[in-house]
Structure formats: structure tokens, C-alpha cells
Amino acid sequence: QVQLVESGGGLVQPGGSLRLSCAASGSRVSIDITGWYRQAPGKQRELVASITSGGNTNYADSVKGRFTISRDNAKNTVYLEMISLKPEDTAVYYCWLRTLFVVNYWGQGTQVTVSS
């Protein structure tokens, strides 16, 4: 089993910045891809950003140029740097990991609220 623990969410004003962290622990697994999803009230969960084991990144069009995903393999941690935040970025952000055997793991979620 793999445990994913997110941190770094909170309340920020429009135009502000936040950095989310996702620390993985537990069993050693072969990771295929890790990323961040978000879910706003009344909306479906959407993939925000992902990074493959080879380092390839992908972003939702709505966050391109504002969000950056990165990882520190030594710390088993994935980050999501968010700048120029907008009210529409308000959501619960979930860390996600998929193994090479297509097993998905999720964090518990961290709330990001962008409001003045």
C-alpha cells in the first residue's frame, strides 16, 4: 500500500501563489505517473497536471503557464507550484499516483480557496 499525504492548501487572494506538496510513503512501487486532480463543488474531478516517470509533464489548458508540477525523488514528494491564482482555481486538490501495474492511489485532498 502507498499513502499519499497532501499539504500546502489554504486561502489566497486572486493573483496570489501557493505550493502544494504530496509526500508518498509505504510500499515501494514502480511509478508510472503522478499528478494532481482537482474537484470544485458541483463539478467533475479534472486532471490539472501530471508528470511521468520519465519526467514528461502535461497540464490542463486552464492552468498552462500558471502551474508547474515537479518532483523530488529523494524525498518521494511531488509538488504543484501555482501562481496567478484565480477564483476558478478554487477546489479540493488531490494527489494521484499510478503504478506500472495500473494501480491508482489517491491522497485525502487539500482545499485551495482563491478569494478576496
N, C-alpha and C. Protein backbone atom coordinates (compact mmCIF):
# COMPACT_ATOMS: atom_id res chain seq x y z
N GLN A 1 0.83 -1.19 0.00
CA GLN A 1 0.00 0.00 0.00
C GLN A 1 0.86 1.24 0.00
N VAL A 2 0.36 2.25 -0.65
CA VAL A 2 1.04 3.54 -0.73
C VAL A 2 0.13 4.58 -0.10
N GLN A 3 0.68 5.41 0.75
CA GLN A 3 -0.05 6.51 1.34
C GLN A 3 0.45 7.82 0.73
N LEU A 4 -0.50 8.66 0.35
CA LEU A 4 -0.18 9.98 -0.21
C LEU A 4 -0.77 11.03 0.72
N VAL A 5 0.05 11.96 1.15
CA VAL A 5 -0.40 13.00 2.07
C VAL A 5 -0.10 14.36 1.46
N GLU A 6 -1.17 15.12 1.21
CA GLU A 6 -1.03 16.45 0.63
C GLU A 6 -0.90 17.50 1.73
N SER A 7 -0.28 18.59 1.37
CA SER A 7 -0.21 19.75 2.26
C SER A 7 -0.01 20.99 1.41
N GLY A 8 -0.24 22.15 2.02
CA GLY A 8 0.03 23.41 1.34
C GLY A 8 -1.19 24.16 0.87
N GLY A 9 -2.37 23.58 1.00
CA GLY A 9 -3.56 24.31 0.60
C GLY A 9 -3.88 25.44 1.56
N GLY A 10 -4.87 26.24 1.17
CA GLY A 10 -5.27 27.34 2.03
C GLY A 10 -6.05 28.39 1.29
N LEU A 11 -6.19 29.54 1.93
CA LEU A 11 -6.91 30.67 1.36
C LEU A 11 -5.90 31.68 0.82
N VAL A 12 -6.11 32.10 -0.42
CA VAL A 12 -5.22 33.06 -1.04
C VAL A 12 -6.03 34.04 -1.87
N GLN A 13 -5.53 35.24 -2.00
CA GLN A 13 -6.23 36.25 -2.80
C GLN A 13 -5.98 36.01 -4.28
N PRO A 14 -6.89 36.47 -5.13
CA PRO A 14 -6.65 36.37 -6.58
C PRO A 14 -5.31 37.00 -6.95
N GLY A 15 -4.57 36.30 -7.82
CA GLY A 15 -3.24 36.74 -8.19
C GLY A 15 -2.15 36.19 -7.30
N GLY A 16 -2.52 35.55 -6.23
CA GLY A 16 -1.55 35.01 -5.29
C GLY A 16 -0.99 33.67 -5.73
N SER A 17 -0.17 33.10 -4.84
CA SER A 17 0.52 31.85 -5.16
C SER A 17 0.41 30.87 -4.00
N LEU A 18 0.49 29.60 -4.34
CA LEU A 18 0.54 28.52 -3.36
C LEU A 18 1.40 27.41 -3.92
N ARG A 19 1.99 26.64 -3.02
CA ARG A 19 2.69 25.42 -3.43
C ARG A 19 2.12 24.24 -2.67
N LEU A 20 1.62 23.29 -3.42
CA LEU A 20 1.11 22.06 -2.82
C LEU A 20 2.21 21.00 -2.83
N SER A 21 2.21 20.19 -1.79
CA SER A 21 3.16 19.09 -1.70
C SER A 21 2.40 17.78 -1.50
N CYS A 22 2.95 16.72 -2.02
CA CYS A 22 2.36 15.39 -1.85
C CYS A 22 3.50 14.43 -1.53
N ALA A 23 3.49 13.95 -0.30
CA ALA A 23 4.53 13.03 0.16
C ALA A 23 4.01 11.59 0.11
N ALA A 24 4.77 10.72 -0.52
CA ALA A 24 4.40 9.31 -0.64
C ALA A 24 5.18 8.49 0.38
N SER A 25 4.49 7.51 0.96
CA SER A 25 5.14 6.60 1.90
C SER A 25 4.50 5.24 1.78
N GLY A 26 5.11 4.25 2.44
CA GLY A 26 4.57 2.90 2.40
C GLY A 26 5.37 1.99 1.51
N SER A 27 4.67 1.14 0.79
CA SER A 27 5.34 0.14 -0.04
C SER A 27 6.08 0.78 -1.20
N ARG A 28 7.18 0.16 -1.58
CA ARG A 28 7.88 0.63 -2.76
C ARG A 28 7.15 0.09 -3.99
N VAL A 29 6.85 1.00 -4.90
CA VAL A 29 6.14 0.60 -6.12
C VAL A 29 6.83 1.22 -7.31
N SER A 30 6.59 0.62 -8.46
CA SER A 30 7.12 1.19 -9.70
C SER A 30 6.11 2.20 -10.21
N ILE A 31 6.49 3.44 -10.16
CA ILE A 31 5.57 4.52 -10.50
C ILE A 31 5.58 4.77 -12.01
N ASP A 32 4.38 4.85 -12.56
CA ASP A 32 4.24 5.19 -13.97
C ASP A 32 4.06 6.70 -14.13
N ILE A 33 3.16 7.24 -13.33
CA ILE A 33 2.83 8.65 -13.45
C ILE A 33 2.27 9.16 -12.12
N THR A 34 2.56 10.40 -11.81
CA THR A 34 1.95 11.06 -10.66
C THR A 34 1.37 12.38 -11.12
N GLY A 35 0.43 12.89 -10.33
CA GLY A 35 -0.18 14.14 -10.74
C GLY A 35 -1.13 14.71 -9.71
N TRP A 36 -1.81 15.75 -10.15
CA TRP A 36 -2.78 16.43 -9.31
C TRP A 36 -4.10 16.56 -10.06
N TYR A 37 -5.15 16.17 -9.38
CA TYR A 37 -6.52 16.40 -9.84
C TYR A 37 -7.12 17.48 -8.93
N ARG A 38 -8.21 18.04 -9.40
CA ARG A 38 -8.98 18.94 -8.54
C ARG A 38 -10.47 18.74 -8.80
N GLN A 39 -11.24 19.06 -7.77
CA GLN A 39 -12.69 18.96 -7.90
C GLN A 39 -13.33 20.14 -7.20
N ALA A 40 -14.04 20.92 -7.98
CA ALA A 40 -14.78 22.06 -7.45
C ALA A 40 -16.21 21.60 -7.14
N PRO A 41 -16.90 22.30 -6.25
CA PRO A 41 -18.28 21.92 -5.91
C PRO A 41 -19.16 21.84 -7.14
N GLY A 42 -19.86 20.72 -7.27
CA GLY A 42 -20.78 20.55 -8.38
C GLY A 42 -20.13 20.21 -9.70
N LYS A 43 -18.82 20.02 -9.69
CA LYS A 43 -18.11 19.71 -10.94
C LYS A 43 -17.40 18.37 -10.85
N GLN A 44 -17.06 17.83 -12.01
CA GLN A 44 -16.33 16.57 -12.04
C GLN A 44 -14.86 16.81 -11.69
N ARG A 45 -14.24 15.76 -11.18
CA ARG A 45 -12.82 15.84 -10.89
C ARG A 45 -12.07 15.93 -12.22
N GLU A 46 -11.09 16.84 -12.28
CA GLU A 46 -10.34 17.01 -13.52
C GLU A 46 -8.84 16.92 -13.25
N LEU A 47 -8.12 16.43 -14.23
CA LEU A 47 -6.67 16.34 -14.12
C LEU A 47 -6.08 17.72 -14.37
N VAL A 48 -5.28 18.19 -13.44
CA VAL A 48 -4.68 19.50 -13.53
C VAL A 48 -3.27 19.42 -14.14
N ALA A 49 -2.49 18.49 -13.62
CA ALA A 49 -1.11 18.36 -14.09
C ALA A 49 -0.61 16.97 -13.76
N SER A 50 0.31 16.48 -14.58
CA SER A 50 0.89 15.16 -14.35
C SER A 50 2.34 15.15 -14.77
N ILE A 51 3.08 14.19 -14.22
CA ILE A 51 4.48 14.02 -14.58
C ILE A 51 4.77 12.53 -14.61
N THR A 52 5.37 12.08 -15.70
CA THR A 52 5.66 10.66 -15.85
C THR A 52 6.97 10.30 -15.18
N SER A 53 7.23 9.01 -15.10
CA SER A 53 8.48 8.57 -14.52
C SER A 53 9.67 9.07 -15.33
N GLY A 54 9.44 9.34 -16.60
CA GLY A 54 10.50 9.87 -17.45
C GLY A 54 10.64 11.37 -17.39
N GLY A 55 9.75 12.02 -16.63
CA GLY A 55 9.85 13.46 -16.46
C GLY A 55 9.00 14.28 -17.41
N ASN A 56 8.20 13.62 -18.24
CA ASN A 56 7.33 14.37 -19.15
C ASN A 56 6.15 14.93 -18.38
N THR A 57 5.83 16.18 -18.64
CA THR A 57 4.74 16.84 -17.93
C THR A 57 3.58 17.15 -18.86
N ASN A 58 2.41 17.26 -18.27
CA ASN A 58 1.21 17.59 -19.01
C ASN A 58 0.33 18.46 -18.13
N TYR A 59 -0.33 19.44 -18.73
CA TYR A 59 -1.16 20.37 -17.98
C TYR A 59 -2.52 20.56 -18.64
N ALA A 60 -3.51 20.80 -17.82
CA ALA A 60 -4.80 21.22 -18.34
C ALA A 60 -4.64 22.60 -18.98
N ASP A 61 -5.39 22.85 -20.04
CA ASP A 61 -5.27 24.14 -20.73
C ASP A 61 -5.52 25.31 -19.78
N SER A 62 -6.41 25.12 -18.83
CA SER A 62 -6.80 26.21 -17.93
C SER A 62 -5.68 26.64 -16.98
N VAL A 63 -4.64 25.81 -16.83
CA VAL A 63 -3.58 26.15 -15.89
C VAL A 63 -2.21 26.31 -16.56
N LYS A 64 -2.14 26.09 -17.84
CA LYS A 64 -0.85 26.21 -18.55
C LYS A 64 -0.28 27.61 -18.38
N GLY A 65 1.00 27.64 -18.06
CA GLY A 65 1.68 28.91 -17.85
C GLY A 65 1.54 29.45 -16.44
N ARG A 66 0.68 28.84 -15.64
CA ARG A 66 0.49 29.30 -14.25
C ARG A 66 0.89 28.23 -13.23
N PHE A 67 0.70 26.98 -13.57
CA PHE A 67 1.00 25.88 -12.65
C PHE A 67 2.22 25.12 -13.16
N THR A 68 3.03 24.65 -12.22
CA THR A 68 4.19 23.84 -12.56
C THR A 68 4.25 22.63 -11.63
N ILE A 69 4.34 21.45 -12.23
CA ILE A 69 4.47 20.22 -11.44
C ILE A 69 5.93 19.80 -11.45
N SER A 70 6.39 19.33 -10.31
CA SER A 70 7.76 18.85 -10.20
C SER A 70 7.82 17.76 -9.15
N ARG A 71 8.96 17.10 -9.07
CA ARG A 71 9.08 16.05 -8.06
C ARG A 71 10.50 16.00 -7.53
N ASP A 72 10.61 15.51 -6.31
CA ASP A 72 11.90 15.27 -5.67
C ASP A 72 11.93 13.78 -5.34
N ASN A 73 12.62 13.01 -6.15
CA ASN A 73 12.62 11.55 -5.97
C ASN A 73 13.26 11.15 -4.63
N ALA A 74 14.23 11.91 -4.20
CA ALA A 74 14.90 11.59 -2.93
C ALA A 74 13.95 11.72 -1.75
N LYS A 75 12.99 12.63 -1.88
CA LYS A 75 12.02 12.86 -0.81
C LYS A 75 10.68 12.19 -1.08
N ASN A 76 10.57 11.49 -2.21
CA ASN A 76 9.29 10.86 -2.59
C ASN A 76 8.15 11.87 -2.54
N THR A 77 8.40 13.03 -3.06
CA THR A 77 7.44 14.12 -2.97
C THR A 77 7.23 14.75 -4.34
N VAL A 78 5.96 15.07 -4.60
CA VAL A 78 5.58 15.77 -5.82
C VAL A 78 5.01 17.12 -5.41
N TYR A 79 5.32 18.14 -6.20
CA TYR A 79 4.89 19.49 -5.88
C TYR A 79 4.03 20.05 -7.01
N LEU A 80 3.17 20.98 -6.64
CA LEU A 80 2.43 21.75 -7.62
C LEU A 80 2.56 23.21 -7.24
N GLU A 81 3.35 23.93 -8.03
CA GLU A 81 3.53 25.36 -7.82
C GLU A 81 2.45 26.09 -8.60
N MET A 82 1.69 26.92 -7.91
CA MET A 82 0.57 27.62 -8.53
C MET A 82 0.76 29.12 -8.36
N ILE A 83 0.77 29.84 -9.46
CA ILE A 83 0.88 31.29 -9.42
C ILE A 83 -0.31 31.90 -10.16
N SER A 84 -0.46 33.21 -10.01
CA SER A 84 -1.55 33.94 -10.67
C SER A 84 -2.88 33.23 -10.47
N LEU A 85 -3.15 32.86 -9.25
CA LEU A 85 -4.35 32.09 -8.95
C LEU A 85 -5.61 32.91 -9.20
N LYS A 86 -6.64 32.20 -9.67
CA LYS A 86 -7.92 32.80 -10.00
C LYS A 86 -9.01 32.18 -9.13
N PRO A 87 -10.12 32.87 -8.95
CA PRO A 87 -11.22 32.29 -8.16
C PRO A 87 -11.67 30.93 -8.71
N GLU A 88 -11.58 30.75 -10.03
CA GLU A 88 -11.99 29.48 -10.63
C GLU A 88 -11.03 28.34 -10.34
N ASP A 89 -9.89 28.63 -9.72
CA ASP A 89 -8.99 27.58 -9.29
C ASP A 89 -9.41 26.99 -7.94
N THR A 90 -10.41 27.58 -7.32
CA THR A 90 -10.90 27.08 -6.04
C THR A 90 -11.43 25.67 -6.19
N ALA A 91 -10.90 24.76 -5.38
CA ALA A 91 -11.28 23.35 -5.47
C ALA A 91 -10.54 22.57 -4.38
N VAL A 92 -10.93 21.33 -4.23
CA VAL A 92 -10.12 20.39 -3.45
C VAL A 92 -9.13 19.75 -4.41
N TYR A 93 -7.87 19.81 -4.07
CA TYR A 93 -6.81 19.26 -4.92
C TYR A 93 -6.36 17.92 -4.35
N TYR A 94 -6.32 16.92 -5.24
CA TYR A 94 -5.97 15.56 -4.85
C TYR A 94 -4.68 15.13 -5.54
N CYS A 95 -3.81 14.57 -4.76
CA CYS A 95 -2.61 13.96 -5.32
C CYS A 95 -2.97 12.57 -5.84
N TRP A 96 -2.34 12.16 -6.92
CA TRP A 96 -2.65 10.89 -7.58
C TRP A 96 -1.36 10.23 -8.04
N LEU A 97 -1.34 8.93 -7.92
CA LEU A 97 -0.20 8.15 -8.36
C LEU A 97 -0.72 6.88 -9.04
N ARG A 98 -0.12 6.54 -10.17
CA ARG A 98 -0.48 5.30 -10.84
C ARG A 98 0.79 4.48 -11.03
N THR A 99 0.70 3.21 -10.68
CA THR A 99 1.87 2.34 -10.82
C THR A 99 1.91 1.73 -12.22
N LEU A 100 3.02 1.06 -12.49
CA LEU A 100 3.17 0.39 -13.79
C LEU A 100 2.15 -0.74 -13.95
N PHE A 101 1.61 -1.22 -12.83
CA PHE A 101 0.58 -2.26 -12.90
C PHE A 101 -0.82 -1.65 -12.89
N VAL A 102 -0.87 -0.36 -13.17
CA VAL A 102 -2.13 0.39 -13.30
C VAL A 102 -2.96 0.31 -12.02
N VAL A 103 -2.29 0.48 -10.90
CA VAL A 103 -2.98 0.62 -9.62
C VAL A 103 -2.94 2.10 -9.27
N ASN A 104 -4.08 2.66 -8.94
CA ASN A 104 -4.18 4.08 -8.63
C ASN A 104 -4.25 4.31 -7.13
N TYR A 105 -3.53 5.31 -6.69
CA TYR A 105 -3.58 5.74 -5.29
C TYR A 105 -3.95 7.22 -5.24
N TRP A 106 -4.67 7.58 -4.19
CA TRP A 106 -5.13 8.96 -4.03
C TRP A 106 -4.80 9.49 -2.64
N GLY A 107 -4.54 10.77 -2.58
CA GLY A 107 -4.43 11.43 -1.30
C GLY A 107 -5.80 11.82 -0.79
N GLN A 108 -5.83 12.41 0.40
CA GLN A 108 -7.11 12.75 1.02
C GLN A 108 -7.65 14.08 0.53
N GLY A 109 -6.82 14.85 -0.14
CA GLY A 109 -7.25 16.13 -0.68
C GLY A 109 -6.88 17.30 0.21
N THR A 110 -6.62 18.43 -0.43
CA THR A 110 -6.34 19.66 0.31
C THR A 110 -7.11 20.80 -0.35
N GLN A 111 -7.75 21.62 0.46
CA GLN A 111 -8.60 22.68 -0.06
C GLN A 111 -7.77 23.89 -0.47
N VAL A 112 -8.05 24.38 -1.67
CA VAL A 112 -7.48 25.63 -2.15
C VAL A 112 -8.64 26.58 -2.42
N THR A 113 -8.62 27.73 -1.77
CA THR A 113 -9.67 28.71 -1.96
C THR A 113 -9.03 30.02 -2.40
N VAL A 114 -9.48 30.52 -3.54
CA VAL A 114 -8.97 31.78 -4.08
C VAL A 114 -10.10 32.80 -3.99
N SER A 115 -9.93 33.75 -3.09
CA SER A 115 -11.00 34.71 -2.84
C SER A 115 -10.43 35.97 -2.20
N SER A 116 -11.06 37.09 -2.51
CA SER A 116 -10.65 38.34 -1.88
C SER A 116 -11.50 38.61 -0.64
